[in-house]
Amino acid sequence: MLSPLQAALLGALEGLTEFLPISSTGHLILAARLLRVHGEAVKTFEVVIQAGALLAVVGLYRASVGAMWRGLRGRDAVGQRLFVNLAVSFLPAAVIGLLLHRAIKARLFSVWPVVAALAIGGIAMIAVDRWLRARPPAAAKTLQTITIAEALVIGAAQCLALWPGTSRAMVTIVAGLLLGWPATVAAEYSFLLALPTLGAATLFDAATGGALLLRDVSGASILCGFAASGTVALLAIRGFTRYLTRRGLSPFGWYRLALAAAVWWAARAT
């Protein structure tokens, strides 16, 4: 069903788009359509290979991850605070996602919902970017000074990303910027929030669809997708934060609009 080359292409696309505000899920749905691969096993594969991208986050932000680990053991107050904030941000989407998981997969994992989300998100990003440029520079906010209330705002925003094509990175980064966070802080918090959010989604899909995945997709294909996802994510994260601080959100917004228009045209032409 899914060759190692196709798996590697999907994995690379996952790693590239997971932490950019352009929707990894939306891109994977469109790519699977172009590659003519489909079925529940492919949907599970697209979620499970997120684990590769998560390893890239752990490697790049190992200092913060280590601090949280020490905080869980009562040895690091700063790490403990960060862990609590991430837990607060994680819970809203976790609860809603668990309740609506089947409905979302059945009704929203298709081309037209993705096109709508890409377009709406693109317009929102361009508008927010222009508004932010007219504001004074952000205060010296750090990961250590994020409050529980701010963490809850990010969590509420992340619920919007349950609609494929919206982008978890987009809604969390935009929410952070609207709260007055510097771009680097908003991006790092978004990346760290991926650990519980995507980790839970990966484990859930592996538990519910793992048997079907192993039956229909070879171990070589899964390994290729996992490796490609992690390698490309490592490079994407490193470049994205620098680009965001220099250029802002607008280029990603225009890209989303162009992609939505191209897919809409192609779908109507077929």
C-alpha atoms as a PDB file:
ATOM      1  CA  MET A   1       0.000   0.000   0.000  1.00  0.00           C
ATOM      2  CA  LEU A   2       2.766   2.448   0.923  1.00  0.00           C
ATOM      3  CA  SER A   3       6.253   2.040  -0.533  1.00  0.00           C
ATOM      4  CA  PRO A   4       9.375   3.128   1.379  1.00  0.00           C
ATOM      5  CA  LEU A   5       9.839   6.008  -1.088  1.00  0.00           C
ATOM      6  CA  GLN A   6       6.262   7.214  -0.604  1.00  0.00           C
ATOM      7  CA  ALA A   7       6.671   6.853   3.157  1.00  0.00           C
ATOM      8  CA  ALA A   8       9.899   8.873   3.098  1.00  0.00           C
ATOM      9  CA  LEU A   9       8.220  11.619   1.056  1.00  0.00           C
ATOM     10  CA  LEU A  10       5.327  11.803   3.497  1.00  0.00           C
ATOM     11  CA  GLY A  11       7.753  11.746   6.432  1.00  0.00           C
ATOM     12  CA  ALA A  12       9.838  14.566   4.992  1.00  0.00           C
ATOM     13  CA  LEU A  13       6.681  16.594   4.381  1.00  0.00           C
ATOM     14  CA  GLU A  14       5.557  15.953   7.969  1.00  0.00           C
ATOM     15  CA  GLY A  15       8.918  17.060   9.360  1.00  0.00           C
ATOM     16  CA  LEU A  16       8.968  20.192   7.202  1.00  0.00           C
ATOM     17  CA  THR A  17       5.419  21.335   7.896  1.00  0.00           C
ATOM     18  CA  GLU A  18       4.810  20.190  11.491  1.00  0.00           C
ATOM     19  CA  PHE A  19       6.439  23.228  13.073  1.00  0.00           C
ATOM     20  CA  LEU A  20       5.673  25.758  10.340  1.00  0.00           C
ATOM     21  CA  PRO A  21       2.311  27.578  10.488  1.00  0.00           C
ATOM     22  CA  ILE A  22       1.049  25.946   7.294  1.00  0.00           C
ATOM     23  CA  SER A  23      -0.578  22.724   8.589  1.00  0.00           C
ATOM     24  CA  SER A  24       1.223  19.402   8.418  1.00  0.00           C
ATOM     25  CA  THR A  25      -2.070  17.466   8.495  1.00  0.00           C
ATOM     26  CA  GLY A  26      -3.455  19.461   5.597  1.00  0.00           C
ATOM     27  CA  HIS A  27      -0.324  18.930   3.523  1.00  0.00           C
ATOM     28  CA  LEU A  28      -0.265  15.203   4.276  1.00  0.00           C
ATOM     29  CA  ILE A  29      -3.905  14.796   3.256  1.00  0.00           C
ATOM     30  CA  LEU A  30      -3.227  16.581  -0.036  1.00  0.00           C
ATOM     31  CA  ALA A  31       0.042  14.686  -0.611  1.00  0.00           C
ATOM     32  CA  ALA A  32      -1.622  11.319   0.045  1.00  0.00           C
ATOM     33  CA  ARG A  33      -4.230  12.220  -2.566  1.00  0.00           C
ATOM     34  CA  LEU A  34      -1.505  13.089  -5.104  1.00  0.00           C
ATOM     35  CA  LEU A  35       0.401   9.876  -4.345  1.00  0.00           C
ATOM     36  CA  ARG A  36      -2.856   7.903  -4.618  1.00  0.00           C
ATOM     37  CA  VAL A  37      -2.433   6.284  -1.211  1.00  0.00           C
ATOM     38  CA  HIS A  38      -5.426   6.086   1.067  1.00  0.00           C
ATOM     39  CA  GLY A  39      -7.126   4.128   3.806  1.00  0.00           C
ATOM     40  CA  GLU A  40      -7.154   4.045   7.589  1.00  0.00           C
ATOM     41  CA  ALA A  41      -3.636   2.605   7.749  1.00  0.00           C
ATOM     42  CA  VAL A  42      -2.277   5.617   5.857  1.00  0.00           C
ATOM     43  CA  LYS A  43      -4.103   8.011   8.184  1.00  0.00           C
ATOM     44  CA  THR A  44      -2.574   6.245  11.171  1.00  0.00           C
ATOM     45  CA  PHE A  45       0.852   6.322   9.507  1.00  0.00           C
ATOM     46  CA  GLU A  46       0.576  10.090   9.018  1.00  0.00           C
ATOM     47  CA  VAL A  47       0.030  10.528  12.759  1.00  0.00           C
ATOM     48  CA  VAL A  48       2.514   7.960  14.038  1.00  0.00           C
ATOM     49  CA  ILE A  49       5.473   9.398  12.099  1.00  0.00           C
ATOM     50  CA  GLN A  50       5.058  12.575  14.165  1.00  0.00           C
ATOM     51  CA  ALA A  51       7.197  10.758  16.720  1.00  0.00           C
ATOM     52  CA  GLY A  52      10.227  11.421  14.542  1.00  0.00           C
ATOM     53  CA  ALA A  53       9.554  15.150  14.592  1.00  0.00           C
ATOM     54  CA  LEU A  54       9.095  15.041  18.370  1.00  0.00           C
ATOM     55  CA  LEU A  55      12.561  13.565  18.804  1.00  0.00           C
ATOM     56  CA  ALA A  56      13.915  16.615  16.970  1.00  0.00           C
ATOM     57  CA  VAL A  57      12.217  18.878  19.536  1.00  0.00           C
ATOM     58  CA  VAL A  58      13.649  16.862  22.424  1.00  0.00           C
ATOM     59  CA  GLY A  59      17.120  17.137  20.938  1.00  0.00           C
ATOM     60  CA  LEU A  60      17.009  20.850  20.177  1.00  0.00           C
ATOM     61  CA  TYR A  61      15.340  21.867  23.454  1.00  0.00           C
ATOM     62  CA  ARG A  62      16.960  19.282  25.704  1.00  0.00           C
ATOM     63  CA  ALA A  63      17.776  21.968  28.300  1.00  0.00           C
ATOM     64  CA  SER A  64      14.084  22.779  28.788  1.00  0.00           C
ATOM     65  CA  VAL A  65      13.107  19.119  28.628  1.00  0.00           C
ATOM     66  CA  GLY A  66      15.758  18.299  31.220  1.00  0.00           C
ATOM     67  CA  ALA A  67      14.542  21.099  33.472  1.00  0.00           C
ATOM     68  CA  MET A  68      10.999  19.729  33.318  1.00  0.00           C
ATOM     69  CA  TRP A  69      12.249  16.244  34.144  1.00  0.00           C
ATOM     70  CA  ARG A  70      14.069  17.603  37.187  1.00  0.00           C
ATOM     71  CA  GLY A  71      10.958  19.602  38.085  1.00  0.00           C
ATOM     72  CA  LEU A  72       8.880  16.439  38.166  1.00  0.00           C
ATOM     73  CA  ARG A  73      11.322  15.129  40.759  1.00  0.00           C
ATOM     74  CA  GLY A  74      11.100  18.333  42.799  1.00  0.00           C
ATOM     75  CA  ARG A  75      14.604  19.495  41.907  1.00  0.00           C
ATOM     76  CA  ASP A  76      13.908  22.410  39.553  1.00  0.00           C
ATOM     77  CA  ALA A  77      11.210  24.994  40.317  1.00  0.00           C
ATOM     78  CA  VAL A  78      11.528  26.658  36.895  1.00  0.00           C
ATOM     79  CA  GLY A  79      11.182  23.343  35.093  1.00  0.00           C
ATOM     80  CA  GLN A  80       8.220  22.421  37.278  1.00  0.00           C
ATOM     81  CA  ARG A  81       6.467  25.671  36.385  1.00  0.00           C
ATOM     82  CA  LEU A  82       7.068  25.097  32.666  1.00  0.00           C
ATOM     83  CA  PHE A  83       5.717  21.549  32.959  1.00  0.00           C
ATOM     84  CA  VAL A  84       2.543  22.778  34.685  1.00  0.00           C
ATOM     85  CA  ASN A  85       2.007  25.462  32.042  1.00  0.00           C
ATOM     86  CA  LEU A  86       2.393  22.966  29.205  1.00  0.00           C
ATOM     87  CA  ALA A  87      -0.029  20.595  30.945  1.00  0.00           C
ATOM     88  CA  VAL A  88      -2.609  23.398  31.207  1.00  0.00           C
ATOM     89  CA  SER A  89      -2.147  24.231  27.514  1.00  0.00           C
ATOM     90  CA  PHE A  90      -2.411  20.575  26.529  1.00  0.00           C
ATOM     91  CA  LEU A  91      -5.611  19.607  28.348  1.00  0.00           C
ATOM     92  CA  PRO A  92      -8.319  21.516  26.384  1.00  0.00           C
ATOM     93  CA  ALA A  93      -7.380  20.038  22.998  1.00  0.00           C
ATOM     94  CA  ALA A  94      -6.773  16.630  24.570  1.00  0.00           C
ATOM     95  CA  VAL A  95     -10.290  16.467  26.002  1.00  0.00           C
ATOM     96  CA  ILE A  96     -12.034  17.824  22.913  1.00  0.00           C
ATOM     97  CA  GLY A  97      -9.889  15.735  20.577  1.00  0.00           C
ATOM     98  CA  LEU A  98     -10.677  12.568  22.489  1.00  0.00           C
ATOM     99  CA  LEU A  99     -14.414  13.289  22.379  1.00  0.00           C
ATOM    100  CA  LEU A 100     -14.502  14.240  18.696  1.00  0.00           C
ATOM    101  CA  HIS A 101     -11.709  12.028  17.317  1.00  0.00           C
ATOM    102  CA  ARG A 102     -13.911   9.814  15.153  1.00  0.00           C
ATOM    103  CA  ALA A 103     -16.084  12.646  13.864  1.00  0.00           C
ATOM    104  CA  ILE A 104     -13.027  14.700  12.894  1.00  0.00           C
ATOM    105  CA  LYS A 105     -11.443  11.819  10.974  1.00  0.00           C
ATOM    106  CA  ALA A 106     -14.707  10.930   9.260  1.00  0.00           C
ATOM    107  CA  ARG A 107     -15.782  14.427   8.211  1.00  0.00           C
ATOM    108  CA  LEU A 108     -12.767  16.730   8.067  1.00  0.00           C
ATOM    109  CA  PHE A 109      -9.924  14.575   6.689  1.00  0.00           C
ATOM    110  CA  SER A 110     -10.679  15.495   3.072  1.00  0.00           C
ATOM    111  CA  VAL A 111      -9.699  18.138   0.557  1.00  0.00           C
ATOM    112  CA  TRP A 112     -12.406  20.792   0.915  1.00  0.00           C
ATOM    113  CA  PRO A 113     -12.232  21.231   4.698  1.00  0.00           C
ATOM    114  CA  VAL A 114      -8.451  21.551   4.364  1.00  0.00           C
ATOM    115  CA  VAL A 115      -8.771  24.172   1.603  1.00  0.00           C
ATOM    116  CA  ALA A 116     -11.154  26.231   3.745  1.00  0.00           C
ATOM    117  CA  ALA A 117      -8.864  26.045   6.789  1.00  0.00           C
ATOM    118  CA  LEU A 118      -5.776  26.971   4.752  1.00  0.00           C
ATOM    119  CA  ALA A 119      -7.497  30.030   3.296  1.00  0.00           C
ATOM    120  CA  ILE A 120      -9.030  31.280   6.535  1.00  0.00           C
ATOM    121  CA  GLY A 121      -5.756  30.742   8.399  1.00  0.00           C
ATOM    122  CA  GLY A 122      -3.800  32.558   5.696  1.00  0.00           C
ATOM    123  CA  ILE A 123      -6.030  35.620   5.878  1.00  0.00           C
ATOM    124  CA  ALA A 124      -5.846  35.614   9.684  1.00  0.00           C
ATOM    125  CA  MET A 125      -2.036  35.402   9.683  1.00  0.00           C
ATOM    126  CA  ILE A 126      -1.632  38.302   7.274  1.00  0.00           C
ATOM    127  CA  ALA A 127      -4.046  40.452   9.304  1.00  0.00           C
ATOM    128  CA  VAL A 128      -2.365  39.592  12.618  1.00  0.00           C
ATOM    129  CA  ASP A 129       1.103  40.216  11.205  1.00  0.00           C
ATOM    130  CA  ARG A 130       0.127  43.689   9.995  1.00  0.00           C
ATOM    131  CA  TRP A 131      -1.470  44.496  13.338  1.00  0.00           C
ATOM    132  CA  LEU A 132       1.589  43.318  15.249  1.00  0.00           C
ATOM    133  CA  ARG A 133       3.936  45.425  13.132  1.00  0.00           C
ATOM    134  CA  ALA A 134       1.979  48.538  14.151  1.00  0.00           C
ATOM    135  CA  ARG A 135       2.421  47.747  17.865  1.00  0.00           C
ATOM    136  CA  PRO A 136       5.414  48.615  20.076  1.00  0.00           C
ATOM    137  CA  PRO A 137       8.082  45.897  20.423  1.00  0.00           C
ATOM    138  CA  ALA A 138       7.137  42.961  22.652  1.00  0.00           C
ATOM    139  CA  ALA A 139       8.232  43.043  26.288  1.00  0.00           C
ATOM    140  CA  ALA A 140      11.035  40.850  27.585  1.00  0.00           C
ATOM    141  CA  LYS A 141       8.820  37.819  28.132  1.00  0.00           C
ATOM    142  CA  THR A 142      10.499  34.468  28.733  1.00  0.00           C
ATOM    143  CA  LEU A 143       9.343  30.884  29.115  1.00  0.00           C
ATOM    144  CA  GLN A 144       9.877  31.273  32.858  1.00  0.00           C
ATOM    145  CA  THR A 145       7.442  34.212  33.189  1.00  0.00           C
ATOM    146  CA  ILE A 146       4.476  32.668  31.355  1.00  0.00           C
ATOM    147  CA  THR A 147       1.424  32.592  33.609  1.00  0.00           C
ATOM    148  CA  ILE A 148      -1.218  29.903  34.046  1.00  0.00           C
ATOM    149  CA  ALA A 149      -3.806  32.217  32.478  1.00  0.00           C
ATOM    150  CA  GLU A 150      -1.618  32.700  29.395  1.00  0.00           C
ATOM    151  CA  ALA A 151      -1.046  28.948  29.179  1.00  0.00           C
ATOM    152  CA  LEU A 152      -4.812  28.424  29.209  1.00  0.00           C
ATOM    153  CA  VAL A 153      -5.243  30.929  26.357  1.00  0.00           C
ATOM    154  CA  ILE A 154      -2.721  28.969  24.287  1.00  0.00           C
ATOM    155  CA  GLY A 155      -4.580  25.758  25.137  1.00  0.00           C
ATOM    156  CA  ALA A 156      -7.893  27.212  24.005  1.00  0.00           C
ATOM    157  CA  ALA A 157      -6.292  28.379  20.761  1.00  0.00           C
ATOM    158  CA  GLN A 158      -4.820  24.937  20.142  1.00  0.00           C
ATOM    159  CA  CYS A 159      -8.333  23.479  20.034  1.00  0.00           C
ATOM    160  CA  LEU A 160      -8.816  25.245  16.684  1.00  0.00           C
ATOM    161  CA  ALA A 161      -6.063  23.068  15.222  1.00  0.00           C
ATOM    162  CA  LEU A 162      -8.277  19.983  15.531  1.00  0.00           C
ATOM    163  CA  TRP A 163      -9.676  21.118  12.166  1.00  0.00           C
ATOM    164  CA  PRO A 164      -7.188  19.737   9.602  1.00  0.00           C
ATOM    165  CA  GLY A 165      -5.520  22.478   7.601  1.00  0.00           C
ATOM    166  CA  THR A 166      -5.606  25.004  10.429  1.00  0.00           C
ATOM    167  CA  SER A 167      -2.116  24.259  11.844  1.00  0.00           C
ATOM    168  CA  ARG A 168      -1.322  23.712  15.498  1.00  0.00           C
ATOM    169  CA  ALA A 169       1.855  25.755  15.114  1.00  0.00           C
ATOM    170  CA  MET A 170      -0.075  28.649  13.591  1.00  0.00           C
ATOM    171  CA  VAL A 171      -2.732  28.996  16.269  1.00  0.00           C
ATOM    172  CA  THR A 172      -0.326  28.593  19.193  1.00  0.00           C
ATOM    173  CA  ILE A 173       2.309  30.956  17.805  1.00  0.00           C
ATOM    174  CA  VAL A 174      -0.285  33.560  16.811  1.00  0.00           C
ATOM    175  CA  ALA A 175      -1.894  33.331  20.247  1.00  0.00           C
ATOM    176  CA  GLY A 176       1.484  33.835  21.888  1.00  0.00           C
ATOM    177  CA  LEU A 177       2.258  36.858  19.715  1.00  0.00           C
ATOM    178  CA  LEU A 178      -1.148  38.375  20.490  1.00  0.00           C
ATOM    179  CA  LEU A 179      -0.360  37.943  24.187  1.00  0.00           C
ATOM    180  CA  GLY A 180       2.697  40.116  23.624  1.00  0.00           C
ATOM    181  CA  TRP A 181       5.325  37.372  23.626  1.00  0.00           C
ATOM    182  CA  PRO A 182       8.472  37.767  21.514  1.00  0.00           C
ATOM    183  CA  ALA A 183       8.483  35.574  18.413  1.00  0.00           C
ATOM    184  CA  THR A 184      11.238  33.345  19.785  1.00  0.00           C
ATOM    185  CA  VAL A 185       9.300  32.638  22.987  1.00  0.00           C
ATOM    186  CA  ALA A 186       6.041  31.995  21.122  1.00  0.00           C
ATOM    187  CA  ALA A 187       7.803  29.581  18.764  1.00  0.00           C
ATOM    188  CA  GLU A 188       9.689  27.706  21.501  1.00  0.00           C
ATOM    189  CA  TYR A 189       6.567  27.304  23.632  1.00  0.00           C
ATOM    190  CA  SER A 190       4.684  26.021  20.591  1.00  0.00           C
ATOM    191  CA  PHE A 191       7.438  23.500  19.864  1.00  0.00           C
ATOM    192  CA  LEU A 192       7.527  22.271  23.468  1.00  0.00           C
ATOM    193  CA  LEU A 193       3.736  22.028  23.552  1.00  0.00           C
ATOM    194  CA  ALA A 194       4.026  19.628  20.619  1.00  0.00           C
ATOM    195  CA  LEU A 195       5.589  17.064  22.960  1.00  0.00           C
ATOM    196  CA  PRO A 196       2.445  16.265  24.995  1.00  0.00           C
ATOM    197  CA  THR A 197      -0.010  17.145  22.216  1.00  0.00           C
ATOM    198  CA  LEU A 198       1.495  15.187  19.347  1.00  0.00           C
ATOM    199  CA  GLY A 199       2.859  12.554  21.696  1.00  0.00           C
ATOM    200  CA  ALA A 200      -0.641  11.810  22.973  1.00  0.00           C
ATOM    201  CA  ALA A 201      -2.069  11.772  19.438  1.00  0.00           C
ATOM    202  CA  THR A 202       0.684   9.401  18.299  1.00  0.00           C
ATOM    203  CA  LEU A 203       0.124   6.999  21.177  1.00  0.00           C
ATOM    204  CA  PHE A 204      -3.655   7.113  20.729  1.00  0.00           C
ATOM    205  CA  ASP A 205      -3.513   6.347  17.008  1.00  0.00           C
ATOM    206  CA  ALA A 206      -0.855   3.686  17.534  1.00  0.00           C
ATOM    207  CA  ALA A 207      -3.071   1.999  20.125  1.00  0.00           C
ATOM    208  CA  THR A 208      -6.269   2.188  18.083  1.00  0.00           C
ATOM    209  CA  GLY A 209      -4.869   1.666  14.590  1.00  0.00           C
ATOM    210  CA  GLY A 210      -1.498   0.066  15.169  1.00  0.00           C
ATOM    211  CA  ALA A 211      -2.579  -3.445  14.197  1.00  0.00           C
ATOM    212  CA  LEU A 212      -4.005  -2.203  10.893  1.00  0.00           C
ATOM    213  CA  LEU A 213      -0.888  -0.110  10.288  1.00  0.00           C
ATOM    214  CA  LEU A 214       1.443  -3.077  10.793  1.00  0.00           C
ATOM    215  CA  ARG A 215      -0.737  -5.234   8.571  1.00  0.00           C
ATOM    216  CA  ASP A 216      -0.911  -2.825   5.620  1.00  0.00           C
ATOM    217  CA  VAL A 217       2.367  -0.870   5.865  1.00  0.00           C
ATOM    218  CA  SER A 218       5.762  -2.559   5.959  1.00  0.00           C
ATOM    219  CA  GLY A 219       8.257  -1.988   8.741  1.00  0.00           C
ATOM    220  CA  ALA A 220      10.703  -0.543   6.207  1.00  0.00           C
ATOM    221  CA  SER A 221       8.149   2.080   5.147  1.00  0.00           C
ATOM    222  CA  ILE A 222       7.382   3.036   8.751  1.00  0.00           C
ATOM    223  CA  LEU A 223      11.098   3.368   9.498  1.00  0.00           C
ATOM    224  CA  CYS A 224      11.683   5.506   6.385  1.00  0.00           C
ATOM    225  CA  GLY A 225       8.814   7.819   7.314  1.00  0.00           C
ATOM    226  CA  PHE A 226      10.009   8.112  10.907  1.00  0.00           C
ATOM    227  CA  ALA A 227      13.616   8.870   9.930  1.00  0.00           C
ATOM    228  CA  ALA A 228      12.652  11.407   7.267  1.00  0.00           C
ATOM    229  CA  SER A 229      10.268  13.171   9.644  1.00  0.00           C
ATOM    230  CA  GLY A 230      12.882  13.580  12.372  1.00  0.00           C
ATOM    231  CA  THR A 231      15.718  14.676  10.087  1.00  0.00           C
ATOM    232  CA  VAL A 232      13.726  17.283   8.199  1.00  0.00           C
ATOM    233  CA  ALA A 233      12.037  18.577  11.376  1.00  0.00           C
ATOM    234  CA  LEU A 234      15.443  19.205  12.928  1.00  0.00           C
ATOM    235  CA  LEU A 235      16.428  21.424  10.004  1.00  0.00           C
ATOM    236  CA  ALA A 236      13.022  23.127   9.789  1.00  0.00           C
ATOM    237  CA  ILE A 237      12.918  24.124  13.461  1.00  0.00           C
ATOM    238  CA  ARG A 238      16.393  25.630  13.314  1.00  0.00           C
ATOM    239  CA  GLY A 239      15.552  27.794  10.319  1.00  0.00           C
ATOM    240  CA  PHE A 240      11.985  28.751  11.187  1.00  0.00           C
ATOM    241  CA  THR A 241      12.638  30.759  14.352  1.00  0.00           C
ATOM    242  CA  ARG A 242      15.266  32.902  12.634  1.00  0.00           C
ATOM    243  CA  TYR A 243      12.969  33.458   9.656  1.00  0.00           C
ATOM    244  CA  LEU A 244       9.987  34.327  11.863  1.00  0.00           C
ATOM    245  CA  THR A 245      11.894  37.029  13.750  1.00  0.00           C
ATOM    246  CA  ARG A 246      13.083  38.612  10.482  1.00  0.00           C
ATOM    247  CA  ARG A 247      10.072  38.282   8.195  1.00  0.00           C
ATOM    248  CA  GLY A 248       7.031  37.694  10.401  1.00  0.00           C
ATOM    249  CA  LEU A 249       3.941  35.637   9.571  1.00  0.00           C
ATOM    250  CA  SER A 250       2.806  37.212   6.302  1.00  0.00           C
ATOM    251  CA  PRO A 251       4.890  35.035   3.913  1.00  0.00           C
ATOM    252  CA  PHE A 252       3.339  31.927   5.426  1.00  0.00           C
ATOM    253  CA  GLY A 253      -0.119  33.482   5.154  1.00  0.00           C
ATOM    254  CA  TRP A 254       0.348  34.226   1.452  1.00  0.00           C
ATOM    255  CA  TYR A 255       1.656  30.699   0.911  1.00  0.00           C
ATOM    256  CA  ARG A 256      -1.463  29.244   2.534  1.00  0.00           C
ATOM    257  CA  LEU A 257      -3.717  31.342   0.292  1.00  0.00           C
ATOM    258  CA  ALA A 258      -1.784  30.328  -2.828  1.00  0.00           C
ATOM    259  CA  LEU A 259      -1.925  26.653  -1.885  1.00  0.00           C
ATOM    260  CA  ALA A 260      -5.654  26.834  -1.103  1.00  0.00           C
ATOM    261  CA  ALA A 261      -6.318  28.500  -4.474  1.00  0.00           C
ATOM    262  CA  ALA A 262      -4.204  25.938  -6.352  1.00  0.00           C
ATOM    263  CA  VAL A 263      -5.920  22.986  -4.720  1.00  0.00           C
ATOM    264  CA  TRP A 264      -9.368  24.535  -5.267  1.00  0.00           C
ATOM    265  CA  TRP A 265      -8.602  25.049  -8.963  1.00  0.00           C
ATOM    266  CA  ALA A 266      -7.183  21.543  -9.388  1.00  0.00           C
ATOM    267  CA  ALA A 267     -10.166  19.948  -7.639  1.00  0.00           C
ATOM    268  CA  ARG A 268     -12.638  21.829  -9.810  1.00  0.00           C
ATOM    269  CA  ALA A 269     -10.735  20.924 -12.958  1.00  0.00           C
ATOM    270  CA  THR A 270     -10.907  17.159 -12.265  1.00  0.00           C
END
